[in-house]
Amino acid sequence: MFLKELDGALAAISTVLPIRGHWVRLVNHRETLKRLPLANQYNFAAALHALGERLDKEADIFLLVMTSHGNPGGFGLRLPSEAVSQLTPQDVAATLDREASKTAS
């Protein structure tokens, strides 16, 4: 689980940018199933869609932090009880492009 690293990154970033309370964490771990949304393609797209409705292209900064063991093909998204899927760099780019086009200005 990379929640500790993710939270550490958010804490470090929040010392220089006013981001406290303005983040979304998607996590795949049994211990967080009931309190955090899963990191999967659907939730990633939904989070970006929701952010896209709120962000102002001229004034806001969007920062994406992803953490994983790594894989040349992308992020493996799975839990032991679920089917394996993958979030490729192309998926990330396509989702960002699609949702960025909907962002308010």
PDB file of N, CA and C in Angstrom:
ATOM      1  N   MET A   1       0.851  -1.185   0.000  1.00  0.00           N
ATOM      2  CA  MET A   1       0.000   0.000   0.000  1.00  0.00           C
ATOM      3  C   MET A   1       0.884   1.231   0.000  1.00  0.00           C
ATOM      4  N   PHE A   2       0.538   2.184  -0.807  1.00  0.00           N
ATOM      5  CA  PHE A   2       1.322   3.397  -0.945  1.00  0.00           C
ATOM      6  C   PHE A   2       0.625   4.603  -0.324  1.00  0.00           C
ATOM      7  N   LEU A   3      -0.327   4.377   0.560  1.00  0.00           N
ATOM      8  CA  LEU A   3      -1.066   5.472   1.176  1.00  0.00           C
ATOM      9  C   LEU A   3      -0.138   6.349   2.007  1.00  0.00           C
ATOM     10  N   LYS A   4       0.803   5.744   2.706  1.00  0.00           N
ATOM     11  CA  LYS A   4       1.753   6.507   3.525  1.00  0.00           C
ATOM     12  C   LYS A   4       2.573   7.455   2.646  1.00  0.00           C
ATOM     13  N   GLU A   5       3.045   6.955   1.502  1.00  0.00           N
ATOM     14  CA  GLU A   5       3.812   7.788   0.593  1.00  0.00           C
ATOM     15  C   GLU A   5       2.955   8.891  -0.014  1.00  0.00           C
ATOM     16  N   LEU A   6       1.728   8.538  -0.391  1.00  0.00           N
ATOM     17  CA  LEU A   6       0.815   9.521  -0.958  1.00  0.00           C
ATOM     18  C   LEU A   6       0.513  10.618   0.047  1.00  0.00           C
ATOM     19  N   ASP A   7       0.187  10.226   1.274  1.00  0.00           N
ATOM     20  CA  ASP A   7      -0.108  11.220   2.307  1.00  0.00           C
ATOM     21  C   ASP A   7       1.117  12.082   2.613  1.00  0.00           C
ATOM     22  N   GLY A   8       2.312  11.472   2.563  1.00  0.00           N
ATOM     23  CA  GLY A   8       3.539  12.242   2.771  1.00  0.00           C
ATOM     24  C   GLY A   8       3.748  13.270   1.670  1.00  0.00           C
ATOM     25  N   ALA A   9       3.480  12.868   0.432  1.00  0.00           N
ATOM     26  CA  ALA A   9       3.606  13.798  -0.692  1.00  0.00           C
ATOM     27  C   ALA A   9       2.608  14.947  -0.554  1.00  0.00           C
ATOM     28  N   LEU A  10       1.380  14.624  -0.200  1.00  0.00           N
ATOM     29  CA  LEU A  10       0.367  15.669  -0.034  1.00  0.00           C
ATOM     30  C   LEU A  10       0.741  16.618   1.102  1.00  0.00           C
ATOM     31  N   ALA A  11       1.275  16.079   2.198  1.00  0.00           N
ATOM     32  CA  ALA A  11       1.694  16.919   3.324  1.00  0.00           C
ATOM     33  C   ALA A  11       2.834  17.850   2.900  1.00  0.00           C
ATOM     34  N   ALA A  12       3.804  17.317   2.153  1.00  0.00           N
ATOM     35  CA  ALA A  12       4.933  18.139   1.697  1.00  0.00           C
ATOM     36  C   ALA A  12       4.459  19.231   0.743  1.00  0.00           C
ATOM     37  N   ILE A  13       3.606  18.861  -0.191  1.00  0.00           N
ATOM     38  CA  ILE A  13       3.104  19.836  -1.159  1.00  0.00           C
ATOM     39  C   ILE A  13       2.288  20.913  -0.457  1.00  0.00           C
ATOM     40  N   SER A  14       1.529  20.519   0.565  1.00  0.00           N
ATOM     41  CA  SER A  14       0.673  21.490   1.256  1.00  0.00           C
ATOM     42  C   SER A  14       1.468  22.511   2.060  1.00  0.00           C
ATOM     43  N   THR A  15       2.767  22.291   2.238  1.00  0.00           N
ATOM     44  CA  THR A  15       3.582  23.307   2.925  1.00  0.00           C
ATOM     45  C   THR A  15       3.917  24.471   1.999  1.00  0.00           C
ATOM     46  N   VAL A  16       3.787  24.274   0.673  1.00  0.00           N
ATOM     47  CA  VAL A  16       4.099  25.349  -0.269  1.00  0.00           C
ATOM     48  C   VAL A  16       2.915  25.776  -1.128  1.00  0.00           C
ATOM     49  N   LEU A  17       1.891  24.932  -1.206  1.00  0.00           N
ATOM     50  CA  LEU A  17       0.681  25.268  -1.964  1.00  0.00           C
ATOM     51  C   LEU A  17      -0.541  25.094  -1.072  1.00  0.00           C
ATOM     52  N   PRO A  18      -1.545  25.943  -1.229  1.00  0.00           N
ATOM     53  CA  PRO A  18      -2.752  25.843  -0.391  1.00  0.00           C
ATOM     54  C   PRO A  18      -3.692  24.733  -0.880  1.00  0.00           C
ATOM     55  N   ILE A  19      -3.297  23.474  -0.644  1.00  0.00           N
ATOM     56  CA  ILE A  19      -4.095  22.356  -1.160  1.00  0.00           C
ATOM     57  C   ILE A  19      -4.873  21.603  -0.085  1.00  0.00           C
ATOM     58  N   ARG A  20      -4.657  21.916   1.172  1.00  0.00           N
ATOM     59  CA  ARG A  20      -5.313  21.163   2.237  1.00  0.00           C
ATOM     60  C   ARG A  20      -6.816  21.088   2.004  1.00  0.00           C
ATOM     61  N   GLY A  21      -7.330  19.848   1.989  1.00  0.00           N
ATOM     62  CA  GLY A  21      -8.749  19.634   1.770  1.00  0.00           C
ATOM     63  C   GLY A  21      -9.183  19.730   0.318  1.00  0.00           C
ATOM     64  N   HIS A  22      -8.225  19.907  -0.585  1.00  0.00           N
ATOM     65  CA  HIS A  22      -8.544  20.028  -2.007  1.00  0.00           C
ATOM     66  C   HIS A  22      -7.861  18.924  -2.803  1.00  0.00           C
ATOM     67  N   TRP A  23      -8.059  17.698  -2.338  1.00  0.00           N
ATOM     68  CA  TRP A  23      -7.477  16.571  -3.055  1.00  0.00           C
ATOM     69  C   TRP A  23      -8.423  15.398  -3.054  1.00  0.00           C
ATOM     70  N   VAL A  24      -8.154  14.495  -3.960  1.00  0.00           N
ATOM     71  CA  VAL A  24      -8.908  13.249  -4.066  1.00  0.00           C
ATOM     72  C   VAL A  24      -7.886  12.131  -4.010  1.00  0.00           C
ATOM     73  N   ARG A  25      -8.123  11.158  -3.145  1.00  0.00           N
ATOM     74  CA  ARG A  25      -7.234   9.991  -3.066  1.00  0.00           C
ATOM     75  C   ARG A  25      -8.001   8.758  -3.504  1.00  0.00           C
ATOM     76  N   LEU A  26      -7.454   8.059  -4.482  1.00  0.00           N
ATOM     77  CA  LEU A  26      -8.003   6.782  -4.942  1.00  0.00           C
ATOM     78  C   LEU A  26      -6.983   5.719  -4.528  1.00  0.00           C
ATOM     79  N   VAL A  27      -7.427   4.719  -3.770  1.00  0.00           N
ATOM     80  CA  VAL A  27      -6.492   3.760  -3.172  1.00  0.00           C
ATOM     81  C   VAL A  27      -7.039   2.345  -3.299  1.00  0.00           C
ATOM     82  N   ASN A  28      -6.166   1.414  -3.636  1.00  0.00           N
ATOM     83  CA  ASN A  28      -6.540  -0.002  -3.703  1.00  0.00           C
ATOM     84  C   ASN A  28      -5.885  -0.746  -2.555  1.00  0.00           C
ATOM     85  N   HIS A  29      -6.626  -0.907  -1.482  1.00  0.00           N
ATOM     86  CA  HIS A  29      -6.143  -1.681  -0.349  1.00  0.00           C
ATOM     87  C   HIS A  29      -7.335  -2.121   0.496  1.00  0.00           C
ATOM     88  N   ARG A  30      -7.284  -3.344   0.962  1.00  0.00           N
ATOM     89  CA  ARG A  30      -8.401  -3.884   1.760  1.00  0.00           C
ATOM     90  C   ARG A  30      -8.725  -3.027   2.970  1.00  0.00           C
ATOM     91  N   GLU A  31      -7.721  -2.466   3.605  1.00  0.00           N
ATOM     92  CA  GLU A  31      -7.938  -1.687   4.824  1.00  0.00           C
ATOM     93  C   GLU A  31      -8.668  -0.368   4.580  1.00  0.00           C
ATOM     94  N   THR A  32      -8.684   0.107   3.340  1.00  0.00           N
ATOM     95  CA  THR A  32      -9.313   1.397   3.061  1.00  0.00           C
ATOM     96  C   THR A  32     -10.584   1.289   2.224  1.00  0.00           C
ATOM     97  N   LEU A  33     -11.030   0.067   1.970  1.00  0.00           N
ATOM     98  CA  LEU A  33     -12.194  -0.135   1.096  1.00  0.00           C
ATOM     99  C   LEU A  33     -13.431   0.641   1.524  1.00  0.00           C
ATOM    100  N   LYS A  34     -13.644   0.766   2.828  1.00  0.00           N
ATOM    101  CA  LYS A  34     -14.877   1.413   3.305  1.00  0.00           C
ATOM    102  C   LYS A  34     -14.729   2.919   3.487  1.00  0.00           C
ATOM    103  N   ARG A  35     -13.500   3.445   3.373  1.00  0.00           N
ATOM    104  CA  ARG A  35     -13.343   4.881   3.605  1.00  0.00           C
ATOM    105  C   ARG A  35     -12.733   5.658   2.451  1.00  0.00           C
ATOM    106  N   LEU A  36     -12.146   4.952   1.480  1.00  0.00           N
ATOM    107  CA  LEU A  36     -11.560   5.641   0.326  1.00  0.00           C
ATOM    108  C   LEU A  36     -12.018   4.974  -0.969  1.00  0.00           C
ATOM    109  N   PRO A  37     -12.270   5.762  -2.007  1.00  0.00           N
ATOM    110  CA  PRO A  37     -12.665   5.151  -3.279  1.00  0.00           C
ATOM    111  C   PRO A  37     -11.499   4.381  -3.897  1.00  0.00           C
ATOM    112  N   LEU A  38     -11.841   3.325  -4.600  1.00  0.00           N
ATOM    113  CA  LEU A  38     -10.838   2.498  -5.266  1.00  0.00           C
ATOM    114  C   LEU A  38     -10.182   3.245  -6.421  1.00  0.00           C
ATOM    115  N   ALA A  39      -8.917   2.932  -6.626  1.00  0.00           N
ATOM    116  CA  ALA A  39      -8.213   3.428  -7.810  1.00  0.00           C
ATOM    117  C   ALA A  39      -8.534   2.474  -8.946  1.00  0.00           C
ATOM    118  N   ASN A  40      -9.433   2.878  -9.795  1.00  0.00           N
ATOM    119  CA  ASN A  40      -9.743   2.108 -11.000  1.00  0.00           C
ATOM    120  C   ASN A  40     -10.049   3.103 -12.111  1.00  0.00           C
ATOM    121  N   GLN A  41     -10.188   2.621 -13.313  1.00  0.00           N
ATOM    122  CA  GLN A  41     -10.395   3.512 -14.451  1.00  0.00           C
ATOM    123  C   GLN A  41     -11.655   4.356 -14.302  1.00  0.00           C
ATOM    124  N   TYR A  42     -12.730   3.743 -13.820  1.00  0.00           N
ATOM    125  CA  TYR A  42     -13.994   4.471 -13.658  1.00  0.00           C
ATOM    126  C   TYR A  42     -13.846   5.609 -12.645  1.00  0.00           C
ATOM    127  N   ASN A  43     -13.291   5.304 -11.460  1.00  0.00           N
ATOM    128  CA  ASN A  43     -13.158   6.325 -10.420  1.00  0.00           C
ATOM    129  C   ASN A  43     -12.157   7.407 -10.816  1.00  0.00           C
ATOM    130  N   PHE A  44     -11.106   7.029 -11.545  1.00  0.00           N
ATOM    131  CA  PHE A  44     -10.143   8.017 -12.033  1.00  0.00           C
ATOM    132  C   PHE A  44     -10.848   9.004 -12.963  1.00  0.00           C
ATOM    133  N   ALA A  45     -11.609   8.491 -13.910  1.00  0.00           N
ATOM    134  CA  ALA A  45     -12.341   9.351 -14.839  1.00  0.00           C
ATOM    135  C   ALA A  45     -13.385  10.194 -14.106  1.00  0.00           C
ATOM    136  N   ALA A  46     -14.083   9.591 -13.151  1.00  0.00           N
ATOM    137  CA  ALA A  46     -15.108  10.325 -12.396  1.00  0.00           C
ATOM    138  C   ALA A  46     -14.484  11.447 -11.564  1.00  0.00           C
ATOM    139  N   ALA A  47     -13.344  11.171 -10.956  1.00  0.00           N
ATOM    140  CA  ALA A  47     -12.661  12.201 -10.162  1.00  0.00           C
ATOM    141  C   ALA A  47     -12.212  13.353 -11.055  1.00  0.00           C
ATOM    142  N   LEU A  48     -11.635  13.028 -12.201  1.00  0.00           N
ATOM    143  CA  LEU A  48     -11.205  14.081 -13.122  1.00  0.00           C
ATOM    144  C   LEU A  48     -12.392  14.875 -13.657  1.00  0.00           C
ATOM    145  N   HIS A  49     -13.500  14.189 -13.898  1.00  0.00           N
ATOM    146  CA  HIS A  49     -14.704  14.879 -14.361  1.00  0.00           C
ATOM    147  C   HIS A  49     -15.183  15.876 -13.296  1.00  0.00           C
ATOM    148  N   ALA A  50     -15.250  15.431 -12.049  1.00  0.00           N
ATOM    149  CA  ALA A  50     -15.694  16.307 -10.956  1.00  0.00           C
ATOM    150  C   ALA A  50     -14.740  17.489 -10.777  1.00  0.00           C
ATOM    151  N   LEU A  51     -13.450  17.224 -10.856  1.00  0.00           N
ATOM    152  CA  LEU A  51     -12.476  18.310 -10.745  1.00  0.00           C
ATOM    153  C   LEU A  51     -12.596  19.272 -11.922  1.00  0.00           C
ATOM    154  N   GLY A  52     -12.815  18.717 -13.107  1.00  0.00           N
ATOM    155  CA  GLY A  52     -12.949  19.546 -14.292  1.00  0.00           C
ATOM    156  C   GLY A  52     -14.107  20.526 -14.218  1.00  0.00           C
ATOM    157  N   GLU A  53     -15.148  20.156 -13.477  1.00  0.00           N
ATOM    158  CA  GLU A  53     -16.289  21.055 -13.309  1.00  0.00           C
ATOM    159  C   GLU A  53     -15.981  22.209 -12.370  1.00  0.00           C
ATOM    160  N   ARG A  54     -14.932  22.065 -11.550  1.00  0.00           N
ATOM    161  CA  ARG A  54     -14.615  23.074 -10.544  1.00  0.00           C
ATOM    162  C   ARG A  54     -13.384  23.912 -10.877  1.00  0.00           C
ATOM    163  N   LEU A  55     -12.467  23.355 -11.639  1.00  0.00           N
ATOM    164  CA  LEU A  55     -11.213  24.042 -11.904  1.00  0.00           C
ATOM    165  C   LEU A  55     -11.377  25.185 -12.900  1.00  0.00           C
ATOM    166  N   ASP A  56     -10.621  26.216 -12.670  1.00  0.00           N
ATOM    167  CA  ASP A  56     -10.548  27.349 -13.584  1.00  0.00           C
ATOM    168  C   ASP A  56      -9.197  27.265 -14.289  1.00  0.00           C
ATOM    169  N   LYS A  57      -9.202  27.058 -15.611  1.00  0.00           N
ATOM    170  CA  LYS A  57      -7.961  26.898 -16.368  1.00  0.00           C
ATOM    171  C   LYS A  57      -7.014  28.074 -16.198  1.00  0.00           C
ATOM    172  N   GLU A  58      -7.545  29.253 -15.994  1.00  0.00           N
ATOM    173  CA  GLU A  58      -6.722  30.459 -15.895  1.00  0.00           C
ATOM    174  C   GLU A  58      -6.135  30.669 -14.503  1.00  0.00           C
ATOM    175  N   ALA A  59      -6.730  30.090 -13.470  1.00  0.00           N
ATOM    176  CA  ALA A  59      -6.295  30.408 -12.111  1.00  0.00           C
ATOM    177  C   ALA A  59      -5.847  29.202 -11.293  1.00  0.00           C
ATOM    178  N   ASP A  60      -6.301  28.019 -11.632  1.00  0.00           N
ATOM    179  CA  ASP A  60      -6.036  26.844 -10.794  1.00  0.00           C
ATOM    180  C   ASP A  60      -4.892  25.997 -11.341  1.00  0.00           C
ATOM    181  N   ILE A  61      -4.315  25.241 -10.445  1.00  0.00           N
ATOM    182  CA  ILE A  61      -3.255  24.287 -10.784  1.00  0.00           C
ATOM    183  C   ILE A  61      -3.790  22.887 -10.522  1.00  0.00           C
ATOM    184  N   PHE A  62      -3.554  21.997 -11.465  1.00  0.00           N
ATOM    185  CA  PHE A  62      -3.920  20.592 -11.288  1.00  0.00           C
ATOM    186  C   PHE A  62      -2.629  19.799 -11.160  1.00  0.00           C
ATOM    187  N   LEU A  63      -2.507  19.047 -10.089  1.00  0.00           N
ATOM    188  CA  LEU A  63      -1.325  18.235  -9.842  1.00  0.00           C
ATOM    189  C   LEU A  63      -1.773  16.799  -9.639  1.00  0.00           C
ATOM    190  N   LEU A  64      -1.234  15.891 -10.421  1.00  0.00           N
ATOM    191  CA  LEU A  64      -1.574  14.476 -10.336  1.00  0.00           C
ATOM    192  C   LEU A  64      -0.389  13.736  -9.737  1.00  0.00           C
ATOM    193  N   VAL A  65      -0.623  13.066  -8.614  1.00  0.00           N
ATOM    194  CA  VAL A  65       0.404  12.262  -7.958  1.00  0.00           C
ATOM    195  C   VAL A  65      -0.058  10.814  -8.023  1.00  0.00           C
ATOM    196  N   MET A  66       0.761   9.964  -8.617  1.00  0.00           N
ATOM    197  CA  MET A  66       0.435   8.540  -8.713  1.00  0.00           C
ATOM    198  C   MET A  66       1.606   7.756  -8.143  1.00  0.00           C
ATOM    199  N   THR A  67       1.305   6.717  -7.390  1.00  0.00           N
ATOM    200  CA  THR A  67       2.350   5.904  -6.799  1.00  0.00           C
ATOM    201  C   THR A  67       2.011   4.429  -6.959  1.00  0.00           C
ATOM    202  N   SER A  68       3.028   3.640  -7.304  1.00  0.00           N
ATOM    203  CA  SER A  68       2.832   2.225  -7.583  1.00  0.00           C
ATOM    204  C   SER A  68       4.184   1.531  -7.568  1.00  0.00           C
ATOM    205  N   HIS A  69       4.165   0.206  -7.614  1.00  0.00           N
ATOM    206  CA  HIS A  69       5.407  -0.549  -7.792  1.00  0.00           C
ATOM    207  C   HIS A  69       5.980  -0.287  -9.178  1.00  0.00           C
ATOM    208  N   GLY A  70       5.152   0.072 -10.092  1.00  0.00           N
ATOM    209  CA  GLY A  70       5.575   0.367 -11.452  1.00  0.00           C
ATOM    210  C   GLY A  70       5.497  -0.832 -12.360  1.00  0.00           C
ATOM    211  N   ASN A  71       5.245  -0.541 -13.603  1.00  0.00           N
ATOM    212  CA  ASN A  71       5.125  -1.556 -14.627  1.00  0.00           C
ATOM    213  C   ASN A  71       5.301  -0.814 -15.948  1.00  0.00           C
ATOM    214  N   PRO A  72       6.096  -1.332 -16.864  1.00  0.00           N
ATOM    215  CA  PRO A  72       6.289  -0.617 -18.126  1.00  0.00           C
ATOM    216  C   PRO A  72       4.981  -0.309 -18.866  1.00  0.00           C
ATOM    217  N   GLY A  73       3.961  -1.113 -18.644  1.00  0.00           N
ATOM    218  CA  GLY A  73       2.690  -0.903 -19.329  1.00  0.00           C
ATOM    219  C   GLY A  73       1.749   0.048 -18.631  1.00  0.00           C
ATOM    220  N   GLY A  74       2.035   0.448 -17.401  1.00  0.00           N
ATOM    221  CA  GLY A  74       1.161   1.348 -16.663  1.00  0.00           C
ATOM    222  C   GLY A  74       0.953   0.879 -15.236  1.00  0.00           C
ATOM    223  N   PHE A  75      -0.118   1.326 -14.647  1.00  0.00           N
ATOM    224  CA  PHE A  75      -0.462   0.972 -13.274  1.00  0.00           C
ATOM    225  C   PHE A  75      -1.381  -0.233 -13.280  1.00  0.00           C
ATOM    226  N   GLY A  76      -1.015  -1.265 -12.552  1.00  0.00           N
ATOM    227  CA  GLY A  76      -1.913  -2.394 -12.373  1.00  0.00           C
ATOM    228  C   GLY A  76      -2.939  -2.031 -11.319  1.00  0.00           C
ATOM    229  N   LEU A  77      -4.197  -2.146 -11.649  1.00  0.00           N
ATOM    230  CA  LEU A  77      -5.283  -1.782 -10.737  1.00  0.00           C
ATOM    231  C   LEU A  77      -6.035  -3.040 -10.353  1.00  0.00           C
ATOM    232  N   ARG A  78      -5.817  -3.496  -9.126  1.00  0.00           N
ATOM    233  CA  ARG A  78      -6.512  -4.711  -8.712  1.00  0.00           C
ATOM    234  C   ARG A  78      -6.503  -4.846  -7.203  1.00  0.00           C
ATOM    235  N   LEU A  79      -7.417  -5.641  -6.758  1.00  0.00           N
ATOM    236  CA  LEU A  79      -7.453  -6.161  -5.400  1.00  0.00           C
ATOM    237  C   LEU A  79      -7.477  -7.669  -5.549  1.00  0.00           C
ATOM    238  N   PRO A  80      -7.050  -8.400  -4.540  1.00  0.00           N
ATOM    239  CA  PRO A  80      -7.047  -9.858  -4.680  1.00  0.00           C
ATOM    240  C   PRO A  80      -8.389 -10.447  -5.088  1.00  0.00           C
ATOM    241  N   SER A  81      -9.489  -9.807  -4.709  1.00  0.00           N
ATOM    242  CA  SER A  81     -10.807 -10.347  -5.036  1.00  0.00           C
ATOM    243  C   SER A  81     -11.364  -9.825  -6.358  1.00  0.00           C
ATOM    244  N   GLU A  82     -10.622  -8.961  -7.061  1.00  0.00           N
ATOM    245  CA  GLU A  82     -11.133  -8.360  -8.286  1.00  0.00           C
ATOM    246  C   GLU A  82     -10.310  -8.769  -9.496  1.00  0.00           C
ATOM    247  N   ALA A  83     -10.897  -8.606 -10.634  1.00  0.00           N
ATOM    248  CA  ALA A  83     -10.164  -8.819 -11.880  1.00  0.00           C
ATOM    249  C   ALA A  83      -9.094  -7.741 -12.022  1.00  0.00           C
ATOM    250  N   VAL A  84      -8.035  -8.085 -12.683  1.00  0.00           N
ATOM    251  CA  VAL A  84      -6.944  -7.143 -12.900  1.00  0.00           C
ATOM    252  C   VAL A  84      -7.257  -6.249 -14.085  1.00  0.00           C
ATOM    253  N   SER A  85      -7.033  -4.985 -13.923  1.00  0.00           N
ATOM    254  CA  SER A  85      -7.110  -4.064 -15.045  1.00  0.00           C
ATOM    255  C   SER A  85      -5.857  -3.201 -15.001  1.00  0.00           C
ATOM    256  N   GLN A  86      -5.674  -2.407 -16.002  1.00  0.00           N
ATOM    257  CA  GLN A  86      -4.477  -1.593 -16.061  1.00  0.00           C
ATOM    258  C   GLN A  86      -4.840  -0.194 -16.487  1.00  0.00           C
ATOM    259  N   LEU A  87      -4.201   0.771 -15.882  1.00  0.00           N
ATOM    260  CA  LEU A  87      -4.340   2.169 -16.267  1.00  0.00           C
ATOM    261  C   LEU A  87      -3.035   2.547 -16.954  1.00  0.00           C
ATOM    262  N   THR A  88      -3.098   2.624 -18.277  1.00  0.00           N
ATOM    263  CA  THR A  88      -1.896   2.884 -19.064  1.00  0.00           C
ATOM    264  C   THR A  88      -1.620   4.391 -19.134  1.00  0.00           C
ATOM    265  N   PRO A  89      -0.403   4.760 -19.491  1.00  0.00           N
ATOM    266  CA  PRO A  89      -0.135   6.193 -19.709  1.00  0.00           C
ATOM    267  C   PRO A  89      -1.072   6.790 -20.759  1.00  0.00           C
ATOM    268  N   GLN A  90      -1.428   6.004 -21.754  1.00  0.00           N
ATOM    269  CA  GLN A  90      -2.353   6.479 -22.781  1.00  0.00           C
ATOM    270  C   GLN A  90      -3.749   6.714 -22.197  1.00  0.00           C
ATOM    271  N   ASP A  91      -4.180   5.830 -21.276  1.00  0.00           N
ATOM    272  CA  ASP A  91      -5.474   6.020 -20.602  1.00  0.00           C
ATOM    273  C   ASP A  91      -5.471   7.311 -19.789  1.00  0.00           C
ATOM    274  N   VAL A  92      -4.389   7.524 -19.060  1.00  0.00           N
ATOM    275  CA  VAL A  92      -4.265   8.741 -18.234  1.00  0.00           C
ATOM    276  C   VAL A  92      -4.320   9.969 -19.134  1.00  0.00           C
ATOM    277  N   ALA A  93      -3.519   9.969 -20.200  1.00  0.00           N
ATOM    278  CA  ALA A  93      -3.483  11.121 -21.110  1.00  0.00           C
ATOM    279  C   ALA A  93      -4.838  11.365 -21.764  1.00  0.00           C
ATOM    280  N   ALA A  94      -5.488  10.311 -22.231  1.00  0.00           N
ATOM    281  CA  ALA A  94      -6.791  10.462 -22.888  1.00  0.00           C
ATOM    282  C   ALA A  94      -7.838  10.999 -21.916  1.00  0.00           C
ATOM    283  N   THR A  95      -7.833  10.493 -20.702  1.00  0.00           N
ATOM    284  CA  THR A  95      -8.802  10.960 -19.703  1.00  0.00           C
ATOM    285  C   THR A  95      -8.533  12.409 -19.337  1.00  0.00           C
ATOM    286  N   LEU A  96      -7.263  12.763 -19.150  1.00  0.00           N
ATOM    287  CA  LEU A  96      -6.918  14.157 -18.861  1.00  0.00           C
ATOM    288  C   LEU A  96      -7.337  15.067 -20.014  1.00  0.00           C
ATOM    289  N   ASP A  97      -7.050  14.671 -21.242  1.00  0.00           N
ATOM    290  CA  ASP A  97      -7.428  15.485 -22.418  1.00  0.00           C
ATOM    291  C   ASP A  97      -8.937  15.652 -22.507  1.00  0.00           C
ATOM    292  N   ARG A  98      -9.669  14.568 -22.315  1.00  0.00           N
ATOM    293  CA  ARG A  98     -11.127  14.608 -22.421  1.00  0.00           C
ATOM    294  C   ARG A  98     -11.721  15.514 -21.349  1.00  0.00           C
ATOM    295  N   GLU A  99     -11.248  15.368 -20.121  1.00  0.00           N
ATOM    296  CA  GLU A  99     -11.818  16.162 -19.034  1.00  0.00           C
ATOM    297  C   GLU A  99     -11.324  17.604 -19.058  1.00  0.00           C
ATOM    298  N   ALA A 100     -10.103  17.836 -19.536  1.00  0.00           N
ATOM    299  CA  ALA A 100      -9.586  19.198 -19.617  1.00  0.00           C
ATOM    300  C   ALA A 100     -10.410  20.025 -20.593  1.00  0.00           C
ATOM    301  N   SER A 101     -10.942  19.390 -21.610  1.00  0.00           N
ATOM    302  CA  SER A 101     -11.744  20.128 -22.584  1.00  0.00           C
ATOM    303  C   SER A 101     -13.062  20.606 -21.987  1.00  0.00           C
ATOM    304  N   LYS A 102     -13.442  20.047 -20.847  1.00  0.00           N
ATOM    305  CA  LYS A 102     -14.697  20.432 -20.190  1.00  0.00           C
ATOM    306  C   LYS A 102     -14.481  21.439 -19.067  1.00  0.00           C
ATOM    307  N   THR A 103     -13.215  21.745 -18.756  1.00  0.00           N
ATOM    308  CA  THR A 103     -12.891  22.617 -17.639  1.00  0.00           C
ATOM    309  C   THR A 103     -13.359  24.044 -17.904  1.00  0.00           C
ATOM    310  N   ALA A 104     -13.895  24.654 -16.856  1.00  0.00           N
ATOM    311  CA  ALA A 104     -14.345  26.053 -16.961  1.00  0.00           C
ATOM    312  C   ALA A 104     -13.143  26.965 -17.163  1.00  0.00           C
ATOM    313  N   SER A 105     -13.374  28.085 -17.797  1.00  0.00           N
ATOM    314  CA  SER A 105     -12.283  29.071 -17.918  1.00  0.00           C
ATOM    315  C   SER A 105     -12.729  30.420 -17.449  1.00  0.00           C
TER     316      SER A 105
END
